Each structure stands twice: as structure tokens, then as C-alpha cells.
Amino acid sequence: MSSKAKKTIKSRLTPEQIRPLIENFERQGQSIKDFCQRYGISEVTLYNWRKKYGIKSDIDNAGFIGIIPAAASCEPITGKLFAQVRGINIYQPVSAEYLKSLPA
């Protein structure tokens, strides 16, 4: 037995007890393995807690480009093709930056 006493988590925690742990984990940037060893929980448990109680990360939206709503001053879409980029048909005016951000 090591000289460091490991903290262990009881088998059932309330959401009020879990949320601060998850927030602390997100803030500290600790590795998942270290955090789980420190609190005596499995990595699967941590992943489930993060999914249920954690802060949503940008990883959830990886690979997606946000939709840019049409400005009120834009002319209505008449079905006339504005641009075609990498096989994507665009029927309203958009900025060059938006066109550059489209997936390859």
C-alpha cells in the first residue's frame, strides 16, 4: 500500500456532487487517467458524467460549418445559382471567407 491515500468516490453520487467534480476536471485540464485514479472511478464513468453533466466542447461540432442566416437586405432566392464550390450549389450571395471555409 502506498503512502498516498487515494480518495474514493462512493458508488452513488447526486448530480449536485458530480457537477463540481466535472467542472473542476474541465478547468484543470488534468488527464482523464489521472483524474480517474485520483477519485477512484473508471474512465467510462467519467465519460458518462461528462456527457450528462459536463460542458459541451467544440469536439462535438468538429467538421461542421455553421449556417449563416441571410441578411434582411438580401434579395429573395429566385432559384438562380450564385456559385458552385466543390460540388456545393449556393443560391444566395455569401462572402469569400465563407466560400473558403467550405470543406474540401
N, C-alpha and C. Protein backbone atom coordinates (compact mmCIF):
# COMPACT_ATOMS: atom_id res chain seq x y z
N MET A 1 0.84 -1.17 0.00
CA MET A 1 0.00 0.00 0.00
C MET A 1 0.89 1.24 0.00
N SER A 2 0.56 2.20 -0.85
CA SER A 2 1.38 3.40 -0.96
C SER A 2 1.11 4.35 0.19
N SER A 3 2.04 5.29 0.36
CA SER A 3 1.88 6.24 1.45
C SER A 3 0.79 7.26 1.13
N LYS A 4 0.51 7.45 -0.16
CA LYS A 4 -0.57 8.36 -0.53
C LYS A 4 -1.90 7.63 -0.43
N ALA A 5 -2.78 8.19 0.31
CA ALA A 5 -4.11 7.59 0.42
C ALA A 5 -4.95 8.08 -0.75
N LYS A 6 -5.53 7.14 -1.49
CA LYS A 6 -6.37 7.51 -2.62
C LYS A 6 -7.76 7.89 -2.12
N LYS A 7 -8.27 8.95 -2.71
CA LYS A 7 -9.65 9.31 -2.42
C LYS A 7 -10.53 8.39 -3.26
N THR A 8 -11.59 7.92 -2.68
CA THR A 8 -12.53 7.11 -3.44
C THR A 8 -13.90 7.74 -3.38
N ILE A 9 -14.64 7.56 -4.43
CA ILE A 9 -15.99 8.11 -4.54
C ILE A 9 -16.97 6.99 -4.19
N LYS A 10 -17.96 7.34 -3.39
CA LYS A 10 -18.95 6.32 -3.08
C LYS A 10 -19.72 5.96 -4.34
N SER A 11 -20.38 4.82 -4.33
CA SER A 11 -20.96 4.28 -5.55
C SER A 11 -22.04 5.17 -6.17
N ARG A 12 -22.78 5.92 -5.40
CA ARG A 12 -23.83 6.77 -5.95
C ARG A 12 -23.63 8.21 -5.51
N LEU A 13 -23.46 9.08 -6.49
CA LEU A 13 -23.37 10.50 -6.19
C LEU A 13 -24.57 11.20 -6.80
N THR A 14 -24.96 12.28 -6.19
CA THR A 14 -26.06 13.07 -6.73
C THR A 14 -25.51 13.99 -7.82
N PRO A 15 -26.37 14.47 -8.71
CA PRO A 15 -25.91 15.43 -9.73
C PRO A 15 -25.24 16.66 -9.11
N GLU A 16 -25.71 17.08 -7.94
CA GLU A 16 -25.12 18.24 -7.26
C GLU A 16 -23.69 17.96 -6.81
N GLN A 17 -23.36 16.70 -6.59
CA GLN A 17 -22.00 16.33 -6.21
C GLN A 17 -21.12 16.09 -7.44
N ILE A 18 -21.72 15.63 -8.53
CA ILE A 18 -20.97 15.31 -9.73
C ILE A 18 -20.57 16.57 -10.50
N ARG A 19 -21.48 17.52 -10.63
CA ARG A 19 -21.22 18.72 -11.43
C ARG A 19 -19.95 19.46 -11.01
N PRO A 20 -19.72 19.71 -9.70
CA PRO A 20 -18.48 20.38 -9.32
C PRO A 20 -17.22 19.58 -9.69
N LEU A 21 -17.31 18.25 -9.60
CA LEU A 21 -16.17 17.42 -9.98
C LEU A 21 -15.86 17.59 -11.47
N ILE A 22 -16.91 17.56 -12.29
CA ILE A 22 -16.73 17.71 -13.73
C ILE A 22 -16.21 19.10 -14.07
N GLU A 23 -16.77 20.12 -13.44
CA GLU A 23 -16.30 21.49 -13.69
C GLU A 23 -14.84 21.64 -13.30
N ASN A 24 -14.47 21.04 -12.17
CA ASN A 24 -13.08 21.06 -11.72
C ASN A 24 -12.17 20.36 -12.73
N PHE A 25 -12.61 19.21 -13.22
CA PHE A 25 -11.85 18.46 -14.21
C PHE A 25 -11.67 19.30 -15.48
N GLU A 26 -12.75 19.93 -15.97
CA GLU A 26 -12.68 20.73 -17.19
C GLU A 26 -11.73 21.91 -17.02
N ARG A 27 -11.77 22.56 -15.85
CA ARG A 27 -10.94 23.73 -15.59
C ARG A 27 -9.46 23.40 -15.47
N GLN A 28 -9.15 22.30 -14.80
CA GLN A 28 -7.75 21.97 -14.51
C GLN A 28 -7.00 21.40 -15.69
N GLY A 29 -7.70 20.84 -16.65
CA GLY A 29 -7.02 20.26 -17.79
C GLY A 29 -6.22 19.02 -17.45
N GLN A 30 -6.62 18.34 -16.40
CA GLN A 30 -5.96 17.12 -15.95
C GLN A 30 -6.24 15.99 -16.94
N SER A 31 -5.36 15.02 -17.04
CA SER A 31 -5.63 13.89 -17.92
C SER A 31 -6.76 13.04 -17.33
N ILE A 32 -7.47 12.37 -18.19
CA ILE A 32 -8.59 11.53 -17.76
C ILE A 32 -8.08 10.42 -16.85
N LYS A 33 -6.98 9.81 -17.22
CA LYS A 33 -6.42 8.72 -16.42
C LYS A 33 -6.08 9.18 -15.00
N ASP A 34 -5.40 10.33 -14.89
CA ASP A 34 -5.02 10.85 -13.57
C ASP A 34 -6.24 11.20 -12.73
N PHE A 35 -7.21 11.85 -13.35
CA PHE A 35 -8.42 12.23 -12.63
C PHE A 35 -9.14 10.99 -12.09
N CYS A 36 -9.28 9.97 -12.94
CA CYS A 36 -9.99 8.75 -12.53
C CYS A 36 -9.25 8.02 -11.41
N GLN A 37 -7.93 7.98 -11.51
CA GLN A 37 -7.16 7.34 -10.45
C GLN A 37 -7.29 8.12 -9.14
N ARG A 38 -7.28 9.42 -9.24
CA ARG A 38 -7.37 10.27 -8.04
C ARG A 38 -8.68 10.06 -7.29
N TYR A 39 -9.77 9.92 -8.05
CA TYR A 39 -11.09 9.79 -7.41
C TYR A 39 -11.62 8.36 -7.38
N GLY A 40 -10.86 7.41 -7.88
CA GLY A 40 -11.24 6.01 -7.81
C GLY A 40 -12.46 5.67 -8.64
N ILE A 41 -12.56 6.26 -9.82
CA ILE A 41 -13.67 5.95 -10.72
C ILE A 41 -13.11 5.42 -12.03
N SER A 42 -13.95 4.76 -12.79
CA SER A 42 -13.49 4.25 -14.08
C SER A 42 -13.57 5.36 -15.13
N GLU A 43 -12.80 5.19 -16.18
CA GLU A 43 -12.83 6.17 -17.27
C GLU A 43 -14.21 6.22 -17.92
N VAL A 44 -14.88 5.08 -18.01
CA VAL A 44 -16.23 5.03 -18.59
C VAL A 44 -17.17 5.89 -17.76
N THR A 45 -17.06 5.82 -16.44
CA THR A 45 -17.90 6.63 -15.56
C THR A 45 -17.66 8.11 -15.82
N LEU A 46 -16.40 8.50 -15.94
CA LEU A 46 -16.09 9.90 -16.20
C LEU A 46 -16.67 10.35 -17.54
N TYR A 47 -16.51 9.53 -18.58
CA TYR A 47 -17.07 9.88 -19.89
C TYR A 47 -18.59 10.04 -19.80
N ASN A 48 -19.24 9.14 -19.07
CA ASN A 48 -20.70 9.24 -18.91
C ASN A 48 -21.08 10.50 -18.14
N TRP A 49 -20.35 10.82 -17.09
CA TRP A 49 -20.63 12.04 -16.32
C TRP A 49 -20.44 13.27 -17.19
N ARG A 50 -19.35 13.28 -17.97
CA ARG A 50 -19.10 14.44 -18.83
C ARG A 50 -20.20 14.60 -19.86
N LYS A 51 -20.65 13.50 -20.40
CA LYS A 51 -21.72 13.54 -21.40
C LYS A 51 -23.02 14.07 -20.79
N LYS A 52 -23.30 13.63 -19.58
CA LYS A 52 -24.56 14.00 -18.94
C LYS A 52 -24.51 15.36 -18.24
N TYR A 53 -23.40 15.68 -17.57
CA TYR A 53 -23.33 16.87 -16.72
C TYR A 53 -22.29 17.90 -17.17
N GLY A 54 -21.43 17.54 -18.09
CA GLY A 54 -20.30 18.40 -18.42
C GLY A 54 -20.62 19.51 -19.39
N ILE A 55 -19.60 20.30 -19.64
CA ILE A 55 -19.68 21.39 -20.58
C ILE A 55 -19.50 20.81 -21.97
N LYS A 56 -20.33 21.24 -22.89
CA LYS A 56 -20.21 20.77 -24.26
C LYS A 56 -18.96 21.38 -24.89
N SER A 57 -18.19 20.54 -25.53
CA SER A 57 -16.95 21.02 -26.14
C SER A 57 -17.12 21.24 -27.63
N ASP A 58 -16.10 21.88 -28.22
CA ASP A 58 -16.10 22.11 -29.65
C ASP A 58 -15.91 20.80 -30.42
N ILE A 59 -15.45 19.77 -29.76
CA ILE A 59 -15.25 18.49 -30.41
C ILE A 59 -16.58 17.95 -30.89
N ASP A 60 -17.66 18.24 -30.16
CA ASP A 60 -18.98 17.78 -30.56
C ASP A 60 -19.37 18.32 -31.93
N ASN A 61 -18.87 19.49 -32.29
CA ASN A 61 -19.23 20.12 -33.55
C ASN A 61 -18.11 20.04 -34.58
N ALA A 62 -17.12 19.22 -34.35
CA ALA A 62 -15.98 19.14 -35.25
C ALA A 62 -16.42 18.72 -36.64
N GLY A 63 -15.88 19.40 -37.64
CA GLY A 63 -16.18 19.04 -39.02
C GLY A 63 -17.41 19.71 -39.59
N PHE A 64 -18.12 20.50 -38.80
CA PHE A 64 -19.32 21.15 -39.28
C PHE A 64 -19.11 22.65 -39.37
N ILE A 65 -19.72 23.26 -40.35
CA ILE A 65 -19.66 24.70 -40.52
C ILE A 65 -21.04 25.26 -40.19
N GLY A 66 -21.04 26.31 -39.40
CA GLY A 66 -22.31 26.91 -39.00
C GLY A 66 -23.02 27.54 -40.19
N ILE A 67 -24.35 27.55 -40.13
CA ILE A 67 -25.15 28.16 -41.18
C ILE A 67 -25.22 29.65 -40.93
N ILE A 68 -24.99 30.42 -41.98
CA ILE A 68 -25.05 31.86 -41.87
C ILE A 68 -26.42 32.30 -42.36
N PRO A 69 -27.25 32.89 -41.49
CA PRO A 69 -28.59 33.30 -41.93
C PRO A 69 -28.51 34.43 -42.94
N ALA A 70 -29.45 34.45 -43.85
CA ALA A 70 -29.48 35.50 -44.86
C ALA A 70 -29.83 36.83 -44.20
N ALA A 71 -29.17 37.88 -44.63
CA ALA A 71 -29.45 39.21 -44.10
C ALA A 71 -30.80 39.68 -44.65
N ALA A 72 -31.47 40.54 -43.91
CA ALA A 72 -32.78 41.03 -44.32
C ALA A 72 -32.70 41.82 -45.62
N SER A 73 -31.53 42.41 -45.90
CA SER A 73 -31.38 43.22 -47.10
C SER A 73 -31.11 42.39 -48.35
N CYS A 74 -30.86 41.10 -48.19
CA CYS A 74 -30.60 40.26 -49.36
C CYS A 74 -31.87 40.10 -50.18
N GLU A 75 -31.66 39.99 -51.49
CA GLU A 75 -32.80 39.75 -52.36
C GLU A 75 -33.29 38.33 -52.14
N PRO A 76 -34.57 38.09 -52.34
CA PRO A 76 -35.08 36.73 -52.15
C PRO A 76 -34.44 35.75 -53.15
N ILE A 77 -34.36 34.50 -52.73
CA ILE A 77 -33.76 33.47 -53.58
C ILE A 77 -34.71 33.21 -54.75
N THR A 78 -34.19 33.34 -55.95
CA THR A 78 -35.03 33.16 -57.14
C THR A 78 -34.74 31.85 -57.83
N GLY A 79 -33.87 31.03 -57.27
CA GLY A 79 -33.51 29.78 -57.91
C GLY A 79 -32.32 29.93 -58.83
N LYS A 80 -31.78 31.12 -58.94
CA LYS A 80 -30.62 31.38 -59.78
C LYS A 80 -29.35 31.00 -59.00
N LEU A 81 -28.51 30.22 -59.62
CA LEU A 81 -27.29 29.75 -58.98
C LEU A 81 -26.30 30.90 -58.81
N PHE A 82 -25.85 31.12 -57.57
CA PHE A 82 -24.87 32.18 -57.28
C PHE A 82 -23.45 31.66 -57.46
N ALA A 83 -23.17 30.46 -56.92
CA ALA A 83 -21.83 29.87 -57.03
C ALA A 83 -21.93 28.37 -56.85
N GLN A 84 -20.92 27.69 -57.36
CA GLN A 84 -20.80 26.26 -57.13
C GLN A 84 -19.37 26.01 -56.68
N VAL A 85 -19.21 25.53 -55.45
CA VAL A 85 -17.90 25.31 -54.86
C VAL A 85 -17.79 23.87 -54.42
N ARG A 86 -16.83 23.16 -55.01
CA ARG A 86 -16.59 21.75 -54.65
C ARG A 86 -17.87 20.92 -54.67
N GLY A 87 -18.69 21.15 -55.65
CA GLY A 87 -19.93 20.38 -55.80
C GLY A 87 -21.08 20.88 -54.96
N ILE A 88 -20.92 21.98 -54.26
CA ILE A 88 -21.98 22.54 -53.42
C ILE A 88 -22.59 23.72 -54.16
N ASN A 89 -23.88 23.66 -54.42
CA ASN A 89 -24.59 24.76 -55.08
C ASN A 89 -25.02 25.79 -54.06
N ILE A 90 -24.73 27.06 -54.32
CA ILE A 90 -25.08 28.15 -53.42
C ILE A 90 -25.98 29.11 -54.19
N TYR A 91 -27.17 29.38 -53.64
CA TYR A 91 -28.17 30.17 -54.33
C TYR A 91 -28.35 31.58 -53.79
N GLN A 92 -27.52 32.00 -52.87
CA GLN A 92 -27.60 33.37 -52.36
C GLN A 92 -26.20 33.93 -52.21
N PRO A 93 -26.05 35.24 -52.25
CA PRO A 93 -24.72 35.83 -52.11
C PRO A 93 -24.12 35.53 -50.73
N VAL A 94 -22.85 35.12 -50.74
CA VAL A 94 -22.12 34.86 -49.50
C VAL A 94 -20.72 35.47 -49.64
N SER A 95 -20.06 35.64 -48.51
CA SER A 95 -18.72 36.24 -48.53
C SER A 95 -17.68 35.24 -49.02
N ALA A 96 -16.56 35.78 -49.47
CA ALA A 96 -15.46 34.94 -49.93
C ALA A 96 -14.92 34.09 -48.78
N GLU A 97 -14.92 34.65 -47.55
CA GLU A 97 -14.44 33.90 -46.39
C GLU A 97 -15.30 32.66 -46.15
N TYR A 98 -16.60 32.80 -46.35
CA TYR A 98 -17.50 31.66 -46.18
C TYR A 98 -17.19 30.59 -47.21
N LEU A 99 -16.99 30.99 -48.46
CA LEU A 99 -16.69 30.04 -49.52
C LEU A 99 -15.37 29.32 -49.23
N LYS A 100 -14.39 30.03 -48.70
CA LYS A 100 -13.10 29.42 -48.37
C LYS A 100 -13.23 28.41 -47.23
N SER A 101 -14.21 28.63 -46.34
CA SER A 101 -14.36 27.75 -45.18
C SER A 101 -15.08 26.45 -45.50
N LEU A 102 -15.63 26.32 -46.70
CA LEU A 102 -16.34 25.09 -47.06
C LEU A 102 -15.37 23.93 -47.08
N PRO A 103 -15.86 22.74 -46.67
CA PRO A 103 -14.98 21.56 -46.61
C PRO A 103 -14.46 21.19 -48.00
N ALA A 104 -13.26 20.62 -47.98
CA ALA A 104 -12.63 20.22 -49.25
C ALA A 104 -13.25 18.95 -49.79
